[in-house]
Structures are given as structure tokens and as C-alpha cells.
C-alpha atoms as a PDB file:
ATOM      1  CA  MET A   1      -5.203  31.630  -8.558  1.00  0.00           C
ATOM      2  CA  LEU A   2      -1.514  31.279  -8.729  1.00  0.00           C
ATOM      3  CA  LEU A   3      -1.010  29.261  -5.007  1.00  0.00           C
ATOM      4  CA  ARG A   4      -4.173  27.453  -6.347  1.00  0.00           C
ATOM      5  CA  ARG A   5      -2.308  25.984  -9.539  1.00  0.00           C
ATOM      6  CA  ILE A   6       0.728  25.424  -7.104  1.00  0.00           C
ATOM      7  CA  ILE A   7      -1.312  23.430  -4.876  1.00  0.00           C
ATOM      8  CA  PHE A   8      -2.890  21.423  -7.405  1.00  0.00           C
ATOM      9  CA  GLY A   9       0.359  20.714  -9.322  1.00  0.00           C
ATOM     10  CA  ALA A  10       1.884  19.352  -6.098  1.00  0.00           C
ATOM     11  CA  LEU A  11      -1.136  17.067  -5.442  1.00  0.00           C
ATOM     12  CA  MET A  12      -1.131  16.075  -9.018  1.00  0.00           C
ATOM     13  CA  GLN A  13       2.772  15.259  -9.011  1.00  0.00           C
ATOM     14  CA  ALA A  14       2.174  13.585  -5.676  1.00  0.00           C
ATOM     15  CA  ALA A  15      -0.583  11.536  -7.040  1.00  0.00           C
ATOM     16  CA  ARG A  16       1.400  10.023  -9.658  1.00  0.00           C
ATOM     17  CA  ASN A  17       4.006   8.628  -6.955  1.00  0.00           C
ATOM     18  CA  PRO A  18       3.995   4.862  -6.492  1.00  0.00           C
ATOM     19  CA  THR A  19       4.419   5.017  -2.896  1.00  0.00           C
ATOM     20  CA  VAL A  20       1.910   7.584  -2.531  1.00  0.00           C
ATOM     21  CA  GLN A  21      -0.638   5.467  -4.591  1.00  0.00           C
ATOM     22  CA  LYS A  22       0.107   2.689  -2.356  1.00  0.00           C
ATOM     23  CA  LYS A  23      -0.516   4.369   0.763  1.00  0.00           C
ATOM     24  CA  ALA A  24      -3.583   5.964  -0.403  1.00  0.00           C
ATOM     25  CA  GLY A  25      -4.922   2.475  -1.548  1.00  0.00           C
ATOM     26  CA  GLU A  26      -4.270   0.949   2.321  1.00  0.00           C
ATOM     27  CA  ALA A  27      -5.893   4.013   3.756  1.00  0.00           C
ATOM     28  CA  ALA A  28      -9.031   3.355   1.491  1.00  0.00           C
ATOM     29  CA  GLY A  29      -8.770  -0.230   2.276  1.00  0.00           C
ATOM     30  CA  LYS A  30      -9.030   0.528   6.198  1.00  0.00           C
ATOM     31  CA  ALA A  31     -11.820   3.090   5.453  1.00  0.00           C
ATOM     32  CA  LEU A  32     -13.527   0.162   4.144  1.00  0.00           C
ATOM     33  CA  GLU A  33     -13.296  -2.169   6.770  1.00  0.00           C
ATOM     34  CA  ALA A  34     -14.109   0.179   9.376  1.00  0.00           C
ATOM     35  CA  ALA A  35     -17.312   1.112   7.360  1.00  0.00           C
ATOM     36  CA  LYS A  36     -18.487  -2.415   6.487  1.00  0.00           C
ATOM     37  CA  PRO A  37     -20.235  -3.122   9.591  1.00  0.00           C
ATOM     38  CA  GLY A  38     -22.733  -0.090   9.219  1.00  0.00           C
ATOM     39  CA  LEU A  39     -22.979  -0.490   5.577  1.00  0.00           C
ATOM     40  CA  LEU A  40     -24.103  -4.307   6.289  1.00  0.00           C
ATOM     41  CA  ARG A  41     -26.385  -3.228   8.892  1.00  0.00           C
ATOM     42  CA  ALA A  42     -27.771  -0.333   6.620  1.00  0.00           C
ATOM     43  CA  SER A  43     -28.042  -2.731   3.904  1.00  0.00           C
ATOM     44  CA  ARG A  44     -30.026  -5.135   5.735  1.00  0.00           C
ATOM     45  CA  ARG A  45     -32.589  -2.452   7.129  1.00  0.00           C
ATOM     46  CA  ALA A  46     -33.168  -1.397   3.531  1.00  0.00           C
ATOM     47  CA  GLY A  47     -34.115  -4.810   2.626  1.00  0.00           C
ATOM     48  CA  GLU A  48     -36.616  -5.298   5.785  1.00  0.00           C
ATOM     49  CA  LEU A  49     -38.314  -1.854   4.865  1.00  0.00           C
ATOM     50  CA  THR A  50     -38.652  -3.183   1.202  1.00  0.00           C
ATOM     51  CA  ARG A  51     -39.974  -5.944   2.273  1.00  0.00           C
ATOM     52  CA  GLN A  52     -42.565  -4.394   4.593  1.00  0.00           C
ATOM     53  CA  ALA A  53     -43.657  -1.984   1.727  1.00  0.00           C
ATOM     54  CA  LYS A  54     -43.881  -4.752  -0.691  1.00  0.00           C
ATOM     55  CA  ASP A  55     -46.122  -6.254   1.959  1.00  0.00           C
ATOM     56  CA  LYS A  56     -48.258  -3.616   2.380  1.00  0.00           C
ATOM     57  CA  VAL A  57     -48.540  -2.374  -1.441  1.00  0.00           C
ATOM     58  CA  THR A  58     -49.598  -6.136  -2.389  1.00  0.00           C
ATOM     59  CA  SER A  59     -51.834  -7.471   0.479  1.00  0.00           C
ATOM     60  CA  PRO A  60     -55.510  -7.266   0.227  1.00  0.00           C
ATOM     61  CA  ASP A  61     -57.037  -3.711   2.116  1.00  0.00           C
ATOM     62  CA  LYS A  62     -58.894  -4.841   4.832  1.00  0.00           C
END
């Protein structure tokens, strides 16, 4: 319990540091750029599946 408190205290202290905040922001930006192509593909695929499902629901039964 004491070790946990020490570790979290150190992390909170580091999170208040502007330099650490800047580096964390840069890392998050890089992660977002790396994930963007996959997210766009998934979004496009979800749109296609939604349109297909809508067409099935709205089309008259044969």
C-alpha cells in the first residue's frame, strides 16, 4: 500500500510538469496519426454495413 502511494505520488508530480505534459501530448499526437488510416477504414466499412442493413430492412420482401 505504501509503495503504491509513493508510485502514484511520483506519477502525479510528473503529470504536473509542463515538460512531461508536452512530451505526452506529442506522443498522443503521434499515436493518433498512426491510428488514423485504420480508423478511417473502419469508419468507411461501418458506413457500408449500415447502408446494407438499411437496404435490407427497407426493401420489400421477395
